[in-house]
Amino acid sequence: MLSLQEIIEKLKILSCLELQEMAHSIDVSYDTLISIRIGRASNPRLNTLIAISGYLKDESQRSN
């Protein structure tokens, strides 16, 4: 699993459209992803972080 800092850095790279696609794919609200991205969500749920981490790892493997 990626660290919270790694997740934030990767979320900052994604476009709004990519974040929307991600939110739909992992069943996490777009607002939650934005909150984590900008640091407003100081204590996100573990399930959310696991879902985001898994999605980002899968995406990075597909792009290689």
C-alpha atoms as a PDB file:
ATOM      1  CA  MET A   1       0.000   0.000   0.000  1.00  0.00           C
ATOM      2  CA  LEU A   2       1.190   3.509  -0.806  1.00  0.00           C
ATOM      3  CA  SER A   3       1.804   5.955   2.031  1.00  0.00           C
ATOM      4  CA  LEU A   4      -0.579   8.874   2.524  1.00  0.00           C
ATOM      5  CA  GLN A   5       2.073  11.259   1.186  1.00  0.00           C
ATOM      6  CA  GLU A   6       2.557   9.131  -1.951  1.00  0.00           C
ATOM      7  CA  ILE A   7      -1.211   9.030  -2.490  1.00  0.00           C
ATOM      8  CA  ILE A   8      -1.460  12.819  -2.163  1.00  0.00           C
ATOM      9  CA  GLU A   9       1.387  13.358  -4.630  1.00  0.00           C
ATOM     10  CA  LYS A  10      -0.188  11.013  -7.174  1.00  0.00           C
ATOM     11  CA  LEU A  11      -3.636  12.613  -6.741  1.00  0.00           C
ATOM     12  CA  LYS A  12      -2.118  16.034  -7.442  1.00  0.00           C
ATOM     13  CA  ILE A  13      -0.912  14.798 -10.834  1.00  0.00           C
ATOM     14  CA  LEU A  14      -4.333  13.572 -11.961  1.00  0.00           C
ATOM     15  CA  SER A  15      -6.745  15.767 -13.903  1.00  0.00           C
ATOM     16  CA  CYS A  16     -10.271  16.441 -12.654  1.00  0.00           C
ATOM     17  CA  LEU A  17     -11.644  14.013 -15.240  1.00  0.00           C
ATOM     18  CA  GLU A  18      -9.232  11.306 -14.103  1.00  0.00           C
ATOM     19  CA  LEU A  19     -10.271  11.912 -10.487  1.00  0.00           C
ATOM     20  CA  GLN A  20     -13.935  11.581 -11.460  1.00  0.00           C
ATOM     21  CA  GLU A  21     -13.232   8.310 -13.266  1.00  0.00           C
ATOM     22  CA  MET A  22     -11.288   7.071 -10.265  1.00  0.00           C
ATOM     23  CA  ALA A  23     -14.070   8.039  -7.855  1.00  0.00           C
ATOM     24  CA  HIS A  24     -16.607   6.123  -9.922  1.00  0.00           C
ATOM     25  CA  SER A  25     -14.334   3.113 -10.297  1.00  0.00           C
ATOM     26  CA  ILE A  26     -13.510   2.696  -6.589  1.00  0.00           C
ATOM     27  CA  ASP A  27     -16.863   3.953  -5.227  1.00  0.00           C
ATOM     28  CA  VAL A  28     -15.349   6.873  -3.311  1.00  0.00           C
ATOM     29  CA  SER A  29     -16.842  10.331  -3.664  1.00  0.00           C
ATOM     30  CA  TYR A  30     -15.088  12.873  -5.861  1.00  0.00           C
ATOM     31  CA  ASP A  31     -15.243  15.349  -2.955  1.00  0.00           C
ATOM     32  CA  THR A  32     -13.353  12.908  -0.756  1.00  0.00           C
ATOM     33  CA  LEU A  33     -10.600  12.545  -3.360  1.00  0.00           C
ATOM     34  CA  ILE A  34     -10.323  16.330  -3.657  1.00  0.00           C
ATOM     35  CA  SER A  35     -10.247  16.698   0.137  1.00  0.00           C
ATOM     36  CA  ILE A  36      -7.399  14.206   0.406  1.00  0.00           C
ATOM     37  CA  ARG A  37      -5.604  15.826  -2.540  1.00  0.00           C
ATOM     38  CA  ILE A  38      -5.594  19.295  -0.947  1.00  0.00           C
ATOM     39  CA  GLY A  39      -4.995  18.063   2.598  1.00  0.00           C
ATOM     40  CA  ARG A  40      -8.436  18.977   3.965  1.00  0.00           C
ATOM     41  CA  ALA A  41      -9.147  15.367   4.985  1.00  0.00           C
ATOM     42  CA  SER A  42      -6.654  15.001   7.816  1.00  0.00           C
ATOM     43  CA  ASN A  43      -7.790  11.523   8.828  1.00  0.00           C
ATOM     44  CA  PRO A  44      -9.239   9.614   5.846  1.00  0.00           C
ATOM     45  CA  ARG A  45     -10.706   6.160   6.404  1.00  0.00           C
ATOM     46  CA  LEU A  46      -8.387   3.209   5.940  1.00  0.00           C
ATOM     47  CA  ASN A  47     -10.791   1.581   3.442  1.00  0.00           C
ATOM     48  CA  THR A  48     -10.618   4.728   1.320  1.00  0.00           C
ATOM     49  CA  LEU A  49      -6.817   4.791   1.355  1.00  0.00           C
ATOM     50  CA  ILE A  50      -6.629   1.101   0.456  1.00  0.00           C
ATOM     51  CA  ALA A  51      -9.011   1.614  -2.478  1.00  0.00           C
ATOM     52  CA  ILE A  52      -7.089   4.663  -3.735  1.00  0.00           C
ATOM     53  CA  SER A  53      -3.729   2.941  -3.325  1.00  0.00           C
ATOM     54  CA  GLY A  54      -4.911  -0.144  -5.200  1.00  0.00           C
ATOM     55  CA  TYR A  55      -6.309   1.961  -8.032  1.00  0.00           C
ATOM     56  CA  LEU A  56      -3.140   4.037  -8.363  1.00  0.00           C
ATOM     57  CA  LYS A  57      -0.923   0.937  -8.337  1.00  0.00           C
ATOM     58  CA  ASP A  58      -3.072  -0.712 -11.029  1.00  0.00           C
ATOM     59  CA  GLU A  59      -2.961   2.448 -13.154  1.00  0.00           C
ATOM     60  CA  SER A  60       0.822   2.748 -12.873  1.00  0.00           C
ATOM     61  CA  GLN A  61       1.255  -0.901 -13.873  1.00  0.00           C
ATOM     62  CA  ARG A  62      -1.013  -0.425 -16.917  1.00  0.00           C
ATOM     63  CA  SER A  63       0.963   2.618 -18.072  1.00  0.00           C
ATOM     64  CA  ASN A  64       4.316   0.758 -17.944  1.00  0.00           C
END
